[in-house]
Protein backbone atom coordinates (compact mmCIF):
# COMPACT_ATOMS: atom_id res chain seq x y z
CA MET A 1 24.33 10.54 3.61
CA PRO A 2 23.77 12.74 0.54
CA ALA A 3 23.70 11.14 -2.87
CA GLU A 4 23.39 12.81 -6.27
CA ARG A 5 20.94 15.56 -7.26
CA GLY A 6 18.94 15.77 -4.07
CA VAL A 7 18.67 12.03 -3.42
CA ALA A 8 19.60 10.91 0.10
CA GLU A 9 20.53 7.46 1.38
CA ASN A 10 19.05 5.55 4.31
CA GLU A 11 16.45 8.20 5.16
CA PRO A 12 14.37 7.34 8.28
CA LEU A 13 10.70 6.93 7.36
CA ALA A 14 9.19 6.44 10.83
CA PRO A 15 9.10 10.21 11.58
CA LEU A 16 7.26 10.75 8.29
CA THR A 17 4.38 8.39 9.15
CA SER A 18 1.51 8.89 11.57
CA PHE A 19 2.28 5.48 13.12
CA ARG A 20 5.88 6.60 13.88
CA ILE A 21 6.95 3.09 12.86
CA GLY A 22 9.24 1.60 10.22
CA GLY A 23 12.76 1.42 8.89
CA PRO A 24 14.56 3.68 6.41
CA ALA A 25 14.25 4.18 2.67
CA ARG A 26 17.36 3.07 0.82
CA TRP A 27 16.97 6.20 -1.33
CA PHE A 28 14.85 9.27 -0.63
CA ALA A 29 14.02 12.40 -2.63
CA ARG A 30 12.02 15.48 -1.63
CA PRO A 31 11.67 17.49 -4.86
CA LYS A 32 10.43 21.08 -4.77
CA THR A 33 10.05 21.55 -8.52
CA LEU A 34 9.15 19.58 -11.63
CA ALA A 35 12.85 19.51 -12.53
CA GLY A 36 13.53 17.88 -9.17
CA VAL A 37 10.80 15.30 -9.84
CA ARG A 38 12.41 14.44 -13.17
CA ASP A 39 15.84 14.10 -11.53
CA ALA A 40 14.41 11.71 -8.92
CA LEU A 41 12.60 9.59 -11.50
CA ASP A 42 15.74 9.46 -13.68
CA PHE A 43 17.68 8.24 -10.65
CA SER A 44 15.05 5.56 -9.96
CA GLU A 45 15.20 4.35 -13.55
CA ARG A 46 18.98 4.06 -13.42
CA GLU A 47 18.72 2.08 -10.19
CA GLY A 48 16.17 -0.24 -11.81
CA SER A 49 13.68 0.12 -8.97
CA PRO A 50 10.17 1.58 -9.33
CA PRO A 51 9.69 4.54 -6.96
CA LEU A 52 7.18 4.74 -4.13
CA PHE A 53 5.32 8.00 -3.54
CA LEU A 54 4.79 9.23 0.00
CA GLY A 55 2.13 11.76 0.91
CA GLY A 56 1.41 12.75 4.49
CA GLY A 57 2.38 9.32 5.80
CA ASN A 58 -1.09 8.46 7.09
CA ASN A 59 -2.76 5.12 6.31
CA LEU A 60 0.70 3.60 5.90
CA LEU A 61 2.69 0.89 7.68
CA VAL A 62 6.39 0.68 6.80
CA ALA A 63 8.20 -2.59 7.49
CA ASP A 64 10.81 -2.65 10.24
CA ALA A 65 13.52 -3.32 7.64
CA GLY A 66 12.40 -0.29 5.65
CA VAL A 67 12.09 0.04 1.88
CA ASP A 68 14.75 -1.16 -0.57
CA GLY A 69 14.22 1.46 -3.24
CA LEU A 70 13.49 5.13 -3.85
CA VAL A 71 10.78 6.95 -1.91
CA VAL A 72 9.66 10.30 -3.35
CA ARG A 73 7.89 12.85 -1.17
CA LEU A 74 6.96 16.19 -2.74
CA ASP A 75 8.19 19.11 -0.64
CA PRO A 76 5.25 21.23 0.58
CA GLY A 77 7.57 24.23 0.71
CA GLY A 78 8.07 24.17 -3.06
CA ASP A 79 5.86 24.40 -6.14
CA PHE A 80 3.63 21.55 -4.98
CA GLY A 81 2.42 23.17 -1.75
CA ARG A 82 0.34 25.97 -3.26
CA ILE A 83 -3.34 26.53 -2.45
CA GLU A 84 -5.01 28.97 -4.87
CA GLN A 85 -8.61 30.06 -5.30
CA ASP A 86 -9.69 30.96 -8.84
CA ALA A 87 -10.07 34.70 -9.33
CA ASP A 88 -13.26 34.36 -11.41
CA ASP A 89 -14.99 31.36 -9.81
CA PRO A 90 -14.61 31.15 -6.00
CA LEU A 91 -15.72 27.52 -6.00
CA VAL A 92 -12.73 26.45 -8.14
CA TRP A 93 -9.39 25.84 -6.37
CA ARG A 94 -6.01 24.69 -7.71
CA VAL A 95 -3.98 22.90 -5.08
CA GLY A 96 -0.55 21.26 -5.05
CA ALA A 97 -0.46 17.60 -4.09
CA ALA A 98 1.96 18.30 -1.23
CA ALA A 99 -0.28 20.93 0.36
CA SER A 100 -1.71 20.23 3.79
CA PHE A 101 -5.22 18.83 3.57
CA PRO A 102 -6.26 20.33 6.95
CA LYS A 103 -5.06 23.73 5.67
CA LEU A 104 -7.13 23.35 2.50
CA VAL A 105 -10.18 22.54 4.61
CA ALA A 106 -9.57 25.56 6.85
CA ASP A 107 -8.90 27.94 3.95
CA THR A 108 -12.07 26.99 2.07
CA LEU A 109 -14.31 27.28 5.12
CA ARG A 110 -12.88 30.64 6.16
CA ARG A 111 -13.69 31.96 2.69
CA GLY A 112 -17.26 30.66 2.86
CA VAL A 113 -16.74 27.78 0.43
CA SER A 114 -18.82 24.76 1.41
CA GLY A 115 -17.94 21.13 0.74
CA LEU A 116 -15.13 20.15 3.07
CA GLU A 117 -16.69 20.91 6.46
CA GLU A 118 -17.45 17.22 7.08
CA PHE A 119 -13.79 16.42 6.24
CA ALA A 120 -12.55 18.37 9.28
CA GLY A 121 -9.97 16.45 11.28
CA ILE A 122 -8.69 14.32 8.37
CA PRO A 123 -4.89 14.61 8.35
CA GLY A 124 -2.29 14.32 5.61
CA SER A 125 -1.53 15.84 2.24
CA VAL A 126 -3.99 16.76 -0.50
CA GLY A 127 -2.41 14.24 -2.86
CA GLY A 128 -2.70 11.39 -0.37
CA ALA A 129 -6.26 12.33 0.55
CA ALA A 130 -7.30 12.42 -3.10
CA ALA A 131 -5.55 9.19 -4.05
CA MET A 132 -7.34 7.25 -1.30
CA ASN A 133 -10.58 9.20 -1.82
CA ALA A 134 -10.58 10.13 1.85
CA GLY A 135 -13.79 11.38 3.32
CA SER A 136 -16.77 10.84 5.55
CA ALA A 137 -19.37 8.11 5.60
CA ARG A 138 -21.41 10.12 3.06
CA ARG A 139 -18.87 11.24 0.47
CA GLY A 140 -15.27 11.11 -0.66
CA LEU A 141 -12.92 13.87 -1.76
CA GLY A 142 -13.00 12.54 -5.32
CA GLY A 143 -16.47 14.00 -5.72
CA PHE A 144 -14.92 17.49 -5.79
CA VAL A 145 -11.99 16.73 -8.12
CA ARG A 146 -12.22 18.12 -11.66
CA SER A 147 -8.76 17.17 -12.91
CA ALA A 148 -5.24 16.31 -11.82
CA LEU A 149 -1.77 16.97 -13.19
CA VAL A 150 0.25 13.74 -12.96
CA SER A 151 3.80 12.77 -13.81
CA GLY A 152 4.71 9.70 -15.78
CA ALA A 153 7.75 7.54 -15.03
CA ASP A 154 9.76 9.65 -17.48
CA GLY A 155 8.82 12.91 -15.76
CA ALA A 156 6.47 13.97 -18.57
CA THR A 157 3.25 15.50 -17.25
CA ARG A 158 -0.34 15.15 -18.40
CA ARG A 159 -3.68 16.35 -17.10
CA ILE A 160 -6.39 13.77 -16.52
CA ALA A 161 -10.08 14.30 -15.89
CA ALA A 162 -11.87 13.13 -12.76
CA GLU A 163 -13.87 10.51 -14.67
CA ASP A 164 -10.60 8.77 -15.58
CA MET A 165 -9.42 8.49 -11.96
CA GLU A 166 -11.82 5.67 -11.02
CA PHE A 167 -12.74 7.07 -7.62
CA ARG A 168 -14.27 4.45 -5.33
CA TYR A 169 -14.66 3.87 -1.62
CA ARG A 170 -11.24 4.63 -0.11
CA GLY A 171 -9.40 4.26 -3.38
CA SER A 172 -8.76 5.47 -6.93
CA SER A 173 -6.56 4.74 -9.92
CA LEU A 174 -4.22 7.48 -8.63
CA ALA A 175 -2.81 5.17 -5.97
CA GLY A 176 0.81 4.40 -6.82
CA SER A 177 1.14 7.29 -9.28
CA LEU A 178 2.66 10.73 -8.77
CA ALA A 179 0.01 13.45 -8.80
CA LEU A 180 1.43 16.97 -8.72
CA GLU A 181 -1.63 19.23 -8.62
CA PHE A 182 -5.42 19.03 -8.39
CA GLU A 183 -8.25 21.25 -9.55
CA PHE A 184 -11.34 21.11 -7.33
CA ARG A 185 -14.82 22.54 -7.65
CA PHE A 186 -16.59 22.76 -4.31
CA ALA A 187 -20.29 22.84 -3.50
CA SER A 188 -21.56 26.34 -2.76
CA LEU A 189 -20.97 29.64 -1.00
CA GLU A 190 -22.29 29.91 2.56
CA PRO A 191 -21.62 32.09 5.62
CA PRO A 192 -18.13 31.18 6.97
CA ALA A 193 -19.36 31.15 10.58
CA GLU A 194 -21.89 28.43 9.77
CA LEU A 195 -19.31 26.31 7.95
CA LEU A 196 -16.74 26.66 10.72
CA ASP A 197 -19.35 25.68 13.30
CA ARG A 198 -20.21 22.51 11.37
CA ALA A 199 -16.52 21.65 11.09
CA ARG A 200 -16.04 22.23 14.82
CA ARG A 201 -18.82 19.75 15.60
CA VAL A 202 -17.29 17.16 13.27
CA ARG A 203 -13.88 17.52 14.97
CA GLU A 204 -15.39 17.29 18.44
CA GLU A 205 -17.15 14.04 17.55
CA LYS A 206 -13.87 12.59 16.25
CA VAL A 207 -12.05 13.61 19.44
CA ARG A 208 -14.72 11.81 21.48
CA ASN A 209 -14.69 8.63 19.43
CA GLN A 210 -11.18 8.27 18.01
CA PRO A 211 -7.72 8.07 19.65
CA LEU A 212 -6.38 11.20 17.98
CA ASP A 213 -3.90 11.76 20.81
CA GLN A 214 -1.96 8.55 20.04
CA PRO A 215 0.10 7.52 17.00
CA SER A 216 -2.03 5.48 14.61
CA ALA A 217 -2.80 5.13 10.92
CA GLY A 218 -6.51 5.83 11.27
CA CYS A 219 -8.94 3.02 10.55
CA ILE A 220 -7.11 -0.23 9.84
CA PHE A 221 -9.93 -1.84 7.84
CA LYS A 222 -12.47 -0.54 5.34
CA ASN A 223 -16.16 -0.74 6.17
CA PRO A 224 -17.82 -3.72 4.45
CA ALA A 225 -20.78 -2.83 2.26
CA GLY A 226 -23.68 -1.86 4.48
CA ASP A 227 -21.80 -2.47 7.70
CA SER A 228 -19.24 -0.97 10.08
CA ALA A 229 -15.80 -2.51 10.50
CA GLY A 230 -15.50 -0.86 13.91
CA MET A 231 -18.75 -2.38 15.15
CA LEU A 232 -17.83 -5.83 13.83
CA LEU A 233 -14.41 -5.66 15.46
CA ASP A 234 -15.90 -4.48 18.74
CA ALA A 235 -18.46 -7.29 18.77
CA ALA A 236 -15.73 -9.81 17.92
CA GLY A 237 -13.77 -8.78 21.04
CA SER A 238 -10.93 -6.82 19.47
CA LYS A 239 -10.76 -4.17 22.18
CA GLY A 240 -8.10 -5.18 24.67
CA MET A 241 -6.03 -7.08 22.11
CA ARG A 242 -2.34 -6.23 22.17
CA GLU A 243 0.92 -7.28 20.53
CA GLY A 244 3.95 -5.73 22.21
CA GLY A 245 3.71 -1.96 21.79
CA ALA A 246 0.68 -2.17 19.46
CA ALA A 247 -2.82 -2.18 20.96
CA VAL A 248 -6.41 -1.88 19.79
CA SER A 249 -7.77 1.44 20.98
CA ASP A 250 -10.30 1.32 23.79
CA ARG A 251 -12.13 4.21 22.07
CA HIS A 252 -12.48 2.69 18.59
CA ALA A 253 -12.03 -0.99 17.76
CA ASN A 254 -10.86 -0.22 14.20
CA PHE A 255 -7.79 1.73 15.39
CA ILE A 256 -4.42 0.22 16.27
CA VAL A 257 -2.35 2.63 18.35
CA ASN A 258 1.38 2.70 19.01
CA VAL A 259 1.44 2.68 22.81
CA GLY A 260 5.20 2.36 23.16
CA ASP A 261 7.84 1.60 20.53
CA ALA A 262 5.62 -0.75 18.56
CA THR A 263 7.18 -2.53 15.60
CA ALA A 264 5.58 -2.97 12.20
CA TYR A 265 5.64 -6.73 12.79
CA GLU A 266 3.57 -6.26 15.96
CA VAL A 267 1.04 -4.05 14.18
CA ALA A 268 0.68 -6.55 11.33
CA ALA A 269 0.30 -9.46 13.76
CA LEU A 270 -2.35 -7.60 15.75
CA ALA A 271 -4.26 -6.63 12.59
CA ALA A 272 -4.24 -10.29 11.52
CA ARG A 273 -5.74 -11.31 14.89
CA MET A 274 -8.45 -8.68 14.53
CA ARG A 275 -9.27 -9.80 11.01
CA ASN A 276 -9.37 -13.46 12.05
CA ALA A 277 -11.70 -12.67 14.96
CA VAL A 278 -14.25 -11.02 12.66
CA ARG A 279 -13.96 -13.85 10.14
CA ALA A 280 -14.53 -16.47 12.84
CA ARG A 281 -17.46 -14.64 14.45
CA PHE A 282 -19.30 -13.24 11.43
CA GLY A 283 -17.82 -14.87 8.31
CA VAL A 284 -16.87 -11.40 7.02
CA GLU A 285 -13.50 -10.81 5.35
CA LEU A 286 -12.30 -7.31 6.26
CA GLU A 287 -10.24 -5.45 3.66
CA PRO A 288 -7.26 -3.38 4.87
CA GLU A 289 -7.48 0.38 4.50
CA VAL A 290 -3.84 0.83 5.52
CA ARG A 291 -1.15 0.29 2.89
CA CYS A 292 1.96 -1.77 3.64
CA TRP A 293 5.45 -0.97 2.35
CA GLY A 294 8.35 -3.38 2.50
CA PHE A 295 6.27 -6.44 3.41
CA GLU A 296 5.65 -9.55 1.45
CA LEU A 297 1.97 -9.35 0.57
CA SER A 298 1.20 -12.52 2.52
CA ALA A 299 2.89 -11.14 5.65
CA CYS A 300 0.84 -7.96 6.09
CA PHE A 301 -2.51 -8.26 7.90
CA SER A 302 -3.12 -11.86 6.94
């Protein structure tokens, strides 16, 4: 049902997440312009509920009851979906937060710009990938960020430098804020054919080792320092665990897949069993990589 100024009511969120799970947002906005962002934030302030910002919907579990507030998702078809290479420096790119991260990877490699070839196969939006510092085992996307244009709660924008974003393993201070655009500087110029071949090999390895053909949110838990969450979960017997329509992948023990109308409650219950198994076997406390919306903190993955 439409509400005022581009804000909709009871918008289904499950189709907007890679898990394909979760209830609706009480309010939902998909702004294409900065004016639309300001309208959405004004609406949120009048409702007295802080907004939540949705990127590509990966690494996210939405509660079955949904979200009682405003969810804002920048429209990639508007001002925030642009991908532009600097005319003077081919290593510098300015990219909207709603732009497709796989498209950014493909565009840079086709133009012979090295840096993102080992990020091939990572889904989602540029904003989401930057906020969680997505990446490989060797590096995160934050290492290429020079600055970001972000919006405050009042819709006023400011540009912040990379050193103020507190990039860390699978996280940054951008989480929970509304980034609109990023400026990147990538590594070097190399023959496109070589870069595309490296990216192809990265994707092929992921296809072999990860359940990319099933709905999931990627890795459920972060790797502990100096160790592998997947290996710990495998050794603790997680493969074969199941809760209703949620199951641990037989390809990768750190993936929960939706094998048939799984609920968020089932995913959370299964993740808690996995976490408890590693704690009991190794005394290691795994930290979730997936964010939870609409849950009480104590009810998600614990």
